[in-house]
C-alpha atoms as a PDB file:
ATOM      1  CA  MET A   1      -3.033 -44.075 -27.196  1.00  0.00           C
ATOM      2  CA  ALA A   2      -3.491 -40.662 -25.212  1.00  0.00           C
ATOM      3  CA  ALA A   3       0.712 -41.534 -23.556  1.00  0.00           C
ATOM      4  CA  ALA A   4       1.863 -41.733 -27.358  1.00  0.00           C
ATOM      5  CA  GLN A   5       0.746 -38.492 -27.744  1.00  0.00           C
ATOM      6  CA  ASP A   6       3.363 -37.427 -25.208  1.00  0.00           C
ATOM      7  CA  ARG A   7       6.186 -38.946 -26.709  1.00  0.00           C
ATOM      8  CA  THR A   8       8.805 -37.185 -29.594  1.00  0.00           C
ATOM      9  CA  PRO A   9       9.438 -38.743 -32.629  1.00  0.00           C
ATOM     10  CA  SER A  10      12.170 -41.243 -31.176  1.00  0.00           C
ATOM     11  CA  GLY A  11       9.972 -42.493 -28.538  1.00  0.00           C
ATOM     12  CA  LEU A  12      11.056 -40.592 -25.893  1.00  0.00           C
ATOM     13  CA  HIS A  13       8.308 -38.775 -23.730  1.00  0.00           C
ATOM     14  CA  THR A  14       8.800 -34.814 -23.617  1.00  0.00           C
ATOM     15  CA  ALA A  15       9.995 -33.385 -20.584  1.00  0.00           C
ATOM     16  CA  PRO A  16       8.195 -30.256 -18.819  1.00  0.00           C
ATOM     17  CA  ALA A  17      10.817 -26.588 -19.454  1.00  0.00           C
ATOM     18  CA  ALA A  18      13.261 -27.108 -15.955  1.00  0.00           C
ATOM     19  CA  PRO A  19      12.866 -25.044 -13.400  1.00  0.00           C
ATOM     20  CA  ALA A  20      16.203 -23.328 -13.873  1.00  0.00           C
ATOM     21  CA  ALA A  21      15.105 -22.631 -17.728  1.00  0.00           C
ATOM     22  CA  ARG A  22      11.897 -21.170 -15.705  1.00  0.00           C
ATOM     23  CA  SER A  23      14.317 -19.012 -13.394  1.00  0.00           C
ATOM     24  CA  ALA A  24      16.634 -18.046 -16.322  1.00  0.00           C
ATOM     25  CA  ALA A  25      13.634 -16.791 -18.269  1.00  0.00           C
ATOM     26  CA  ALA A  26      12.353 -14.189 -15.261  1.00  0.00           C
ATOM     27  CA  SER A  27      15.936 -13.395 -14.450  1.00  0.00           C
ATOM     28  CA  ARG A  28      16.338 -12.314 -18.518  1.00  0.00           C
ATOM     29  CA  ALA A  29      12.907 -10.179 -17.742  1.00  0.00           C
ATOM     30  CA  GLU A  30      14.384  -8.572 -14.173  1.00  0.00           C
ATOM     31  CA  HIS A  31      17.302  -7.615 -16.183  1.00  0.00           C
ATOM     32  CA  ALA A  32      15.328  -5.803 -19.287  1.00  0.00           C
ATOM     33  CA  ALA A  33      13.181  -4.357 -16.384  1.00  0.00           C
ATOM     34  CA  ASP A  34      15.851  -3.059 -14.589  1.00  0.00           C
ATOM     35  CA  ARG A  35      17.653  -1.534 -17.982  1.00  0.00           C
ATOM     36  CA  ILE A  36      14.299  -0.053 -19.314  1.00  0.00           C
ATOM     37  CA  ALA A  37      13.982   1.441 -15.172  1.00  0.00           C
ATOM     38  CA  GLY A  38      17.604   2.934 -15.723  1.00  0.00           C
ATOM     39  CA  LEU A  39      15.737   4.889 -18.885  1.00  0.00           C
ATOM     40  CA  VAL A  40      13.029   5.861 -16.607  1.00  0.00           C
ATOM     41  CA  SER A  41      15.310   7.239 -14.075  1.00  0.00           C
ATOM     42  CA  ALA A  42      17.284   9.407 -17.024  1.00  0.00           C
ATOM     43  CA  ALA A  43      13.767  11.161 -18.505  1.00  0.00           C
ATOM     44  CA  SER A  44      11.409  13.265 -17.650  1.00  0.00           C
ATOM     45  CA  PRO A  45       7.576  12.015 -17.042  1.00  0.00           C
ATOM     46  CA  GLY A  46       5.871  11.732 -20.231  1.00  0.00           C
ATOM     47  CA  THR A  47       9.426  10.726 -22.043  1.00  0.00           C
ATOM     48  CA  ARG A  48       8.365   8.354 -24.881  1.00  0.00           C
ATOM     49  CA  LEU A  49      11.586   5.782 -24.470  1.00  0.00           C
ATOM     50  CA  GLY A  50      10.649   4.125 -27.688  1.00  0.00           C
ATOM     51  CA  THR A  51       8.499   1.456 -29.383  1.00  0.00           C
ATOM     52  CA  LYS A  52       7.987  -2.134 -27.676  1.00  0.00           C
ATOM     53  CA  GLU A  53      10.042  -3.438 -30.766  1.00  0.00           C
ATOM     54  CA  GLU A  54      12.872  -1.149 -29.870  1.00  0.00           C
ATOM     55  CA  LEU A  55      13.362  -1.366 -26.580  1.00  0.00           C
ATOM     56  CA  ARG A  56      12.858  -5.400 -26.969  1.00  0.00           C
ATOM     57  CA  THR A  57      15.841  -5.149 -29.589  1.00  0.00           C
ATOM     58  CA  LEU A  58      17.808  -3.125 -26.982  1.00  0.00           C
ATOM     59  CA  CYS A  59      17.257  -5.381 -24.216  1.00  0.00           C
ATOM     60  CA  GLY A  60      18.095  -8.642 -26.323  1.00  0.00           C
ATOM     61  CA  VAL A  61      15.242 -10.618 -24.987  1.00  0.00           C
ATOM     62  CA  SER A  62      12.327 -12.333 -26.889  1.00  0.00           C
ATOM     63  CA  VAL A  63       9.166 -11.655 -27.169  1.00  0.00           C
ATOM     64  CA  GLY A  64       7.675 -13.574 -24.469  1.00  0.00           C
ATOM     65  CA  THR A  65      10.452 -12.338 -22.006  1.00  0.00           C
ATOM     66  CA  PHE A  66       9.664  -8.512 -23.269  1.00  0.00           C
ATOM     67  CA  ASN A  67       6.129  -9.340 -22.104  1.00  0.00           C
ATOM     68  CA  GLU A  68       6.882 -10.147 -18.656  1.00  0.00           C
ATOM     69  CA  THR A  69       9.675  -7.234 -18.619  1.00  0.00           C
ATOM     70  CA  LEU A  70       6.578  -5.080 -19.465  1.00  0.00           C
ATOM     71  CA  ARG A  71       4.479  -6.444 -16.851  1.00  0.00           C
ATOM     72  CA  LEU A  72       7.098  -5.432 -14.352  1.00  0.00           C
ATOM     73  CA  LEU A  73       7.562  -2.115 -15.092  1.00  0.00           C
ATOM     74  CA  GLN A  74       3.576  -1.651 -15.283  1.00  0.00           C
ATOM     75  CA  ALA A  75       3.537  -3.443 -11.964  1.00  0.00           C
ATOM     76  CA  ARG A  76       6.426  -0.607 -10.368  1.00  0.00           C
ATOM     77  CA  GLY A  77       4.397   2.212 -11.915  1.00  0.00           C
ATOM     78  CA  LEU A  78       8.146   3.386 -13.961  1.00  0.00           C
ATOM     79  CA  VAL A  79       5.835   3.024 -17.495  1.00  0.00           C
ATOM     80  CA  THR A  80       2.716   3.526 -19.643  1.00  0.00           C
ATOM     81  CA  VAL A  81       2.205   1.722 -22.831  1.00  0.00           C
ATOM     82  CA  ARG A  82       0.410   3.831 -25.795  1.00  0.00           C
ATOM     83  CA  PRO A  83      -0.988   2.382 -28.916  1.00  0.00           C
ATOM     84  CA  GLY A  84      -1.082   3.914 -32.788  1.00  0.00           C
ATOM     85  CA  PRO A  85       1.256   5.677 -34.436  1.00  0.00           C
ATOM     86  CA  GLY A  86       3.602   7.563 -32.338  1.00  0.00           C
ATOM     87  CA  GLY A  87       3.125   5.142 -29.261  1.00  0.00           C
ATOM     88  CA  GLY A  88       5.044   2.810 -26.903  1.00  0.00           C
ATOM     89  CA  LEU A  89       6.194   3.110 -23.679  1.00  0.00           C
ATOM     90  CA  PHE A  90       6.441   6.444 -21.948  1.00  0.00           C
ATOM     91  CA  SER A  91       8.068   6.828 -18.529  1.00  0.00           C
ATOM     92  CA  ALA A  92       5.436   7.189 -15.912  1.00  0.00           C
ATOM     93  CA  ALA A  93       4.608  10.318 -14.220  1.00  0.00           C
ATOM     94  CA  PRO A  94       5.254  10.159 -10.843  1.00  0.00           C
ATOM     95  CA  SER A  95       2.975   8.393  -7.711  1.00  0.00           C
ATOM     96  CA  PRO A  96       0.587  11.676  -6.135  1.00  0.00           C
ATOM     97  CA  MET A  97       1.781  11.464  -2.076  1.00  0.00           C
ATOM     98  CA  VAL A  98      -0.193  12.188   0.966  1.00  0.00           C
ATOM     99  CA  ARG A  99       1.356  13.340   4.018  1.00  0.00           C
ATOM    100  CA  LEU A 100       1.549  10.195   6.782  1.00  0.00           C
ATOM    101  CA  GLY A 101       2.937  11.655   9.628  1.00  0.00           C
ATOM    102  CA  ASN A 102       6.333  11.320   9.641  1.00  0.00           C
ATOM    103  CA  SER A 103       6.269   9.467   6.136  1.00  0.00           C
ATOM    104  CA  VAL A 104       3.798   9.485   3.062  1.00  0.00           C
ATOM    105  CA  LEU A 105       1.436   7.208   1.183  1.00  0.00           C
ATOM    106  CA  ALA A 106       2.828   6.920  -2.760  1.00  0.00           C
ATOM    107  CA  LEU A 107      -1.356   6.163  -4.347  1.00  0.00           C
ATOM    108  CA  ASP A 108      -2.503   5.512  -7.404  1.00  0.00           C
ATOM    109  CA  ALA A 109      -5.403   8.217  -7.252  1.00  0.00           C
ATOM    110  CA  GLN A 110      -5.050  11.911  -7.035  1.00  0.00           C
ATOM    111  CA  GLU A 111      -3.601  13.497  -4.126  1.00  0.00           C
ATOM    112  CA  SER A 112      -6.858  15.301  -2.952  1.00  0.00           C
ATOM    113  CA  ASP A 113      -9.313  12.653  -2.851  1.00  0.00           C
ATOM    114  CA  VAL A 114      -7.100  10.435  -0.536  1.00  0.00           C
ATOM    115  CA  ALA A 115      -6.375  14.076   1.508  1.00  0.00           C
ATOM    116  CA  ASN A 116      -9.900  14.843   1.765  1.00  0.00           C
ATOM    117  CA  ALA A 117     -11.123  11.571   2.920  1.00  0.00           C
ATOM    118  CA  VAL A 118      -8.390  11.903   5.596  1.00  0.00           C
ATOM    119  CA  ARG A 119      -9.570  14.940   6.960  1.00  0.00           C
ATOM    120  CA  ILE A 120     -13.242  13.929   7.427  1.00  0.00           C
ATOM    121  CA  ARG A 121     -11.885  10.630   8.673  1.00  0.00           C
ATOM    122  CA  ASP A 122      -9.939  12.691  11.563  1.00  0.00           C
ATOM    123  CA  ALA A 123     -13.143  14.913  12.506  1.00  0.00           C
ATOM    124  CA  LEU A 124     -15.177  11.679  12.899  1.00  0.00           C
ATOM    125  CA  ASP A 125     -12.717   9.761  15.284  1.00  0.00           C
ATOM    126  CA  PRO A 126     -13.691  11.580  18.423  1.00  0.00           C
ATOM    127  CA  LEU A 127     -17.418  10.860  17.907  1.00  0.00           C
ATOM    128  CA  LEU A 128     -16.531   7.187  17.610  1.00  0.00           C
ATOM    129  CA  VAL A 129     -14.071   7.238  20.558  1.00  0.00           C
ATOM    130  CA  GLU A 130     -17.163   8.680  22.668  1.00  0.00           C
ATOM    131  CA  ASP A 131     -18.968   5.484  21.525  1.00  0.00           C
ATOM    132  CA  ALA A 132     -16.303   2.674  22.474  1.00  0.00           C
ATOM    133  CA  LEU A 133     -16.279   4.564  25.650  1.00  0.00           C
ATOM    134  CA  TRP A 134     -20.022   3.648  26.112  1.00  0.00           C
ATOM    135  CA  HIS A 135     -20.786   0.409  24.388  1.00  0.00           C
ATOM    136  CA  ALA A 136     -17.379  -1.338  24.065  1.00  0.00           C
ATOM    137  CA  SER A 137     -17.963  -5.004  25.574  1.00  0.00           C
ATOM    138  CA  PRO A 138     -15.071  -6.739  27.316  1.00  0.00           C
ATOM    139  CA  ALA A 139     -15.673  -8.899  23.424  1.00  0.00           C
ATOM    140  CA  ASP A 140     -15.175  -5.698  21.827  1.00  0.00           C
ATOM    141  CA  ILE A 141     -11.826  -4.669  23.814  1.00  0.00           C
ATOM    142  CA  ALA A 142     -10.348  -8.338  23.584  1.00  0.00           C
ATOM    143  CA  ASP A 143     -10.577  -7.564  19.979  1.00  0.00           C
ATOM    144  CA  LEU A 144      -9.051  -4.770  19.626  1.00  0.00           C
ATOM    145  CA  ARG A 145      -6.017  -5.868  21.692  1.00  0.00           C
ATOM    146  CA  GLY A 146      -5.931  -8.392  18.826  1.00  0.00           C
ATOM    147  CA  HIS A 147      -5.354  -5.317  16.178  1.00  0.00           C
ATOM    148  CA  ILE A 148      -2.933  -3.860  18.363  1.00  0.00           C
ATOM    149  CA  ALA A 149      -1.019  -7.216  18.315  1.00  0.00           C
ATOM    150  CA  VAL A 150      -1.488  -7.479  15.054  1.00  0.00           C
ATOM    151  CA  MET A 151       0.444  -4.135  14.570  1.00  0.00           C
ATOM    152  CA  ALA A 152       3.114  -5.124  17.031  1.00  0.00           C
ATOM    153  CA  GLU A 153       4.145  -8.131  15.005  1.00  0.00           C
ATOM    154  CA  ALA A 154       3.896  -5.877  11.572  1.00  0.00           C
ATOM    155  CA  ALA A 155       6.206  -2.803  13.287  1.00  0.00           C
ATOM    156  CA  ALA A 156       9.065  -5.815  14.616  1.00  0.00           C
ATOM    157  CA  ALA A 157       8.773  -7.305  11.086  1.00  0.00           C
ATOM    158  CA  GLY A 158       9.964  -3.542  10.095  1.00  0.00           C
ATOM    159  CA  ASP A 159       6.762  -4.111   7.333  1.00  0.00           C
ATOM    160  CA  PRO A 160       5.226  -0.475   7.062  1.00  0.00           C
ATOM    161  CA  VAL A 161       2.867  -1.429   4.594  1.00  0.00           C
ATOM    162  CA  ALA A 162       1.436  -4.173   6.382  1.00  0.00           C
ATOM    163  CA  PHE A 163       1.097  -1.818   9.763  1.00  0.00           C
ATOM    164  CA  VAL A 164      -0.631   0.274   8.113  1.00  0.00           C
ATOM    165  CA  HIS A 165      -3.272  -1.510   6.535  1.00  0.00           C
ATOM    166  CA  ALA A 166      -3.634  -3.417  10.305  1.00  0.00           C
ATOM    167  CA  ASN A 167      -3.809   0.407  11.646  1.00  0.00           C
ATOM    168  CA  TRP A 168      -6.921   0.536   9.409  1.00  0.00           C
ATOM    169  CA  ARG A 169      -8.422  -2.392  10.658  1.00  0.00           C
ATOM    170  CA  LEU A 170      -8.071  -1.483  14.146  1.00  0.00           C
ATOM    171  CA  HIS A 171      -9.612   1.992  13.246  1.00  0.00           C
ATOM    172  CA  GLY A 172     -12.342   0.117  11.459  1.00  0.00           C
ATOM    173  CA  ARG A 173     -13.237  -2.581  14.240  1.00  0.00           C
ATOM    174  CA  ILE A 174     -13.044   1.094  17.053  1.00  0.00           C
ATOM    175  CA  ALA A 175     -16.021   2.130  14.339  1.00  0.00           C
ATOM    176  CA  GLY A 176     -17.567  -1.197  14.547  1.00  0.00           C
ATOM    177  CA  ILE A 177     -18.810  -0.225  17.791  1.00  0.00           C
ATOM    178  CA  SER A 178     -20.894   2.340  17.323  1.00  0.00           C
ATOM    179  CA  PRO A 179     -24.301   1.815  17.229  1.00  0.00           C
ATOM    180  CA  ASN A 180     -24.707   4.362  14.927  1.00  0.00           C
ATOM    181  CA  ALA A 181     -24.983   2.993  11.624  1.00  0.00           C
ATOM    182  CA  LEU A 182     -24.552   5.800   8.987  1.00  0.00           C
ATOM    183  CA  LEU A 183     -21.048   6.944  11.273  1.00  0.00           C
ATOM    184  CA  ARG A 184     -20.212   3.387  10.787  1.00  0.00           C
ATOM    185  CA  SER A 185     -20.909   2.980   7.213  1.00  0.00           C
ATOM    186  CA  LEU A 186     -19.504   6.644   6.500  1.00  0.00           C
ATOM    187  CA  TYR A 187     -16.309   5.727   8.330  1.00  0.00           C
ATOM    188  CA  SER A 188     -15.481   2.113   6.719  1.00  0.00           C
ATOM    189  CA  ASN A 189     -16.439   3.712   3.333  1.00  0.00           C
ATOM    190  CA  LEU A 190     -13.343   6.547   3.928  1.00  0.00           C
ATOM    191  CA  LEU A 191     -11.089   3.881   5.112  1.00  0.00           C
ATOM    192  CA  ASP A 192     -11.572   2.000   1.615  1.00  0.00           C
ATOM    193  CA  LEU A 193     -11.203   4.814   0.052  1.00  0.00           C
ATOM    194  CA  ILE A 194      -7.994   5.601   1.574  1.00  0.00           C
ATOM    195  CA  GLU A 195      -6.710   1.618   1.751  1.00  0.00           C
ATOM    196  CA  SER A 196      -7.851   0.614  -2.180  1.00  0.00           C
ATOM    197  CA  HIS A 197      -5.403   3.807  -3.098  1.00  0.00           C
ATOM    198  CA  THR A 198      -2.279   3.396  -1.596  1.00  0.00           C
ATOM    199  CA  LEU A 199       0.352   1.774  -3.216  1.00  0.00           C
ATOM    200  CA  SER A 200       3.076   1.627  -0.440  1.00  0.00           C
ATOM    201  CA  VAL A 201       4.938   3.591   2.608  1.00  0.00           C
ATOM    202  CA  LEU A 202       7.966   5.909   2.055  1.00  0.00           C
ATOM    203  CA  PRO A 203      10.030   7.490   4.713  1.00  0.00           C
ATOM    204  CA  LEU A 204       9.867  11.092   5.258  1.00  0.00           C
ATOM    205  CA  GLY A 205      12.414  13.234   6.150  1.00  0.00           C
ATOM    206  CA  GLU A 206      15.526  12.179   8.257  1.00  0.00           C
ATOM    207  CA  ARG A 207      13.949  10.718  11.142  1.00  0.00           C
ATOM    208  CA  PRO A 208      13.474   6.503  11.076  1.00  0.00           C
ATOM    209  CA  LEU A 209      10.276   5.233   9.906  1.00  0.00           C
ATOM    210  CA  ALA A 210      10.252   2.137  12.215  1.00  0.00           C
ATOM    211  CA  GLU A 211      11.148   5.207  15.390  1.00  0.00           C
ATOM    212  CA  TYR A 212       7.354   6.739  13.954  1.00  0.00           C
ATOM    213  CA  ILE A 213       5.499   3.248  13.809  1.00  0.00           C
ATOM    214  CA  ALA A 214       6.740   2.203  17.265  1.00  0.00           C
ATOM    215  CA  GLU A 215       5.401   5.661  18.716  1.00  0.00           C
ATOM    216  CA  ARG A 216       2.221   4.741  16.903  1.00  0.00           C
ATOM    217  CA  HIS A 217       1.521   1.295  17.903  1.00  0.00           C
ATOM    218  CA  ARG A 218       2.256   2.767  21.625  1.00  0.00           C
ATOM    219  CA  LEU A 219      -0.111   5.827  21.273  1.00  0.00           C
ATOM    220  CA  HIS A 220      -3.030   3.076  19.533  1.00  0.00           C
ATOM    221  CA  SER A 221      -1.805   0.781  22.637  1.00  0.00           C
ATOM    222  CA  ASP A 222      -2.705   3.132  25.284  1.00  0.00           C
ATOM    223  CA  LEU A 223      -5.996   4.204  23.374  1.00  0.00           C
ATOM    224  CA  VAL A 224      -7.359   0.566  23.748  1.00  0.00           C
ATOM    225  CA  ASP A 225      -6.095   0.909  27.235  1.00  0.00           C
ATOM    226  CA  ALA A 226      -8.050   4.049  28.015  1.00  0.00           C
ATOM    227  CA  LEU A 227     -11.191   2.465  26.206  1.00  0.00           C
ATOM    228  CA  ASP A 228     -11.063  -0.278  27.995  1.00  0.00           C
ATOM    229  CA  ARG A 229     -10.527   1.926  31.628  1.00  0.00           C
ATOM    230  CA  ARG A 230     -13.540   3.675  30.543  1.00  0.00           C
ATOM    231  CA  ASP A 231     -11.038   7.094  30.771  1.00  0.00           C
ATOM    232  CA  ARG A 232     -12.754   9.240  28.745  1.00  0.00           C
ATOM    233  CA  GLU A 233     -10.136  12.137  29.128  1.00  0.00           C
ATOM    234  CA  ALA A 234      -7.431  10.391  28.215  1.00  0.00           C
ATOM    235  CA  ALA A 235      -9.045   8.375  25.224  1.00  0.00           C
ATOM    236  CA  LEU A 236     -10.345  12.105  23.952  1.00  0.00           C
ATOM    237  CA  ARG A 237      -6.723  13.066  24.230  1.00  0.00           C
ATOM    238  CA  LEU A 238      -5.091  10.467  22.975  1.00  0.00           C
ATOM    239  CA  ILE A 239      -7.178  10.410  19.763  1.00  0.00           C
ATOM    240  CA  ALA A 240      -6.555  14.704  19.790  1.00  0.00           C
ATOM    241  CA  GLU A 241      -3.347  13.725  19.605  1.00  0.00           C
ATOM    242  CA  HIS A 242      -3.521  11.239  16.849  1.00  0.00           C
ATOM    243  CA  SER A 243      -5.229  13.579  14.319  1.00  0.00           C
ATOM    244  CA  THR A 244      -3.270  16.566  14.881  1.00  0.00           C
ATOM    245  CA  SER A 245       0.867  15.416  15.279  1.00  0.00           C
ATOM    246  CA  ALA A 246       1.419  16.513  11.661  1.00  0.00           C
ATOM    247  CA  ALA A 247       3.213  19.833  10.435  1.00  0.00           C
ATOM    248  CA  PRO A 248       1.358  22.721  11.722  1.00  0.00           C
ATOM    249  CA  GLY A 249      -0.725  24.046   8.425  1.00  0.00           C
ATOM    250  CA  ASP A 250      -0.296  21.379   6.258  1.00  0.00           C
ATOM    251  CA  PRO A 251      -3.884  19.546   5.288  1.00  0.00           C
ATOM    252  CA  ALA A 252      -2.748  17.233   3.847  1.00  0.00           C
ATOM    253  CA  GLY A 253      -0.327  16.077   7.173  1.00  0.00           C
ATOM    254  CA  SER A 254      -2.871  14.881   9.367  1.00  0.00           C
ATOM    255  CA  PRO A 255      -1.523  10.500  10.263  1.00  0.00           C
ATOM    256  CA  LEU A 256      -3.118   8.046   8.677  1.00  0.00           C
ATOM    257  CA  ILE A 257      -1.987   5.644  11.681  1.00  0.00           C
END
């Protein structure tokens, strides 16, 4: 009996939506999103683009396809939706940015929140390096080298976002060596705040981002080598270089990697 419920009046089984049909619907949503993105690029932040129905009609798509279009646009941070009279779709304000050495982080939170977390994190790094010099075990060093290897893979793949997240995990692992529970907790919370509000990593200036990432990978690899040798002078020099290679006088310019 259950099988009969799956049949059409002609007695034939109804076929599920074909992959090609689903792909075509996704393509229509992408095309509609691209069209509205063009409107956004020509508008000032906060400009009203139209109601949902006006924009759906402009794009010539179904309600279901336009809902997918809207999801794509919101995921890309291009539009905001306001309900009620005078509502509709509005061009979104640009994401706040924080300097990341030779690149910038695009954020979903206030720039000052993340910039302050970065400054505090930089101040704690020398304390954590001192603790790692005294307390790192061979197993700790091996684990740190594993994080360095993940950073190398991300750099080789040209994936700056993966590189940044791998780098933060390395710093979190260094912090985990410290016997000071309060220091570990504070540092971990700062990293969580920075990481949770990061949307993407963007190039800054003319220097290629890949070149900068390769340089930062070498610095961190050298830092782990110094910890392994218990070379306090080299370790502290490297962590100072890590935290002061931003533009002079730029309070938000300390590298996060």
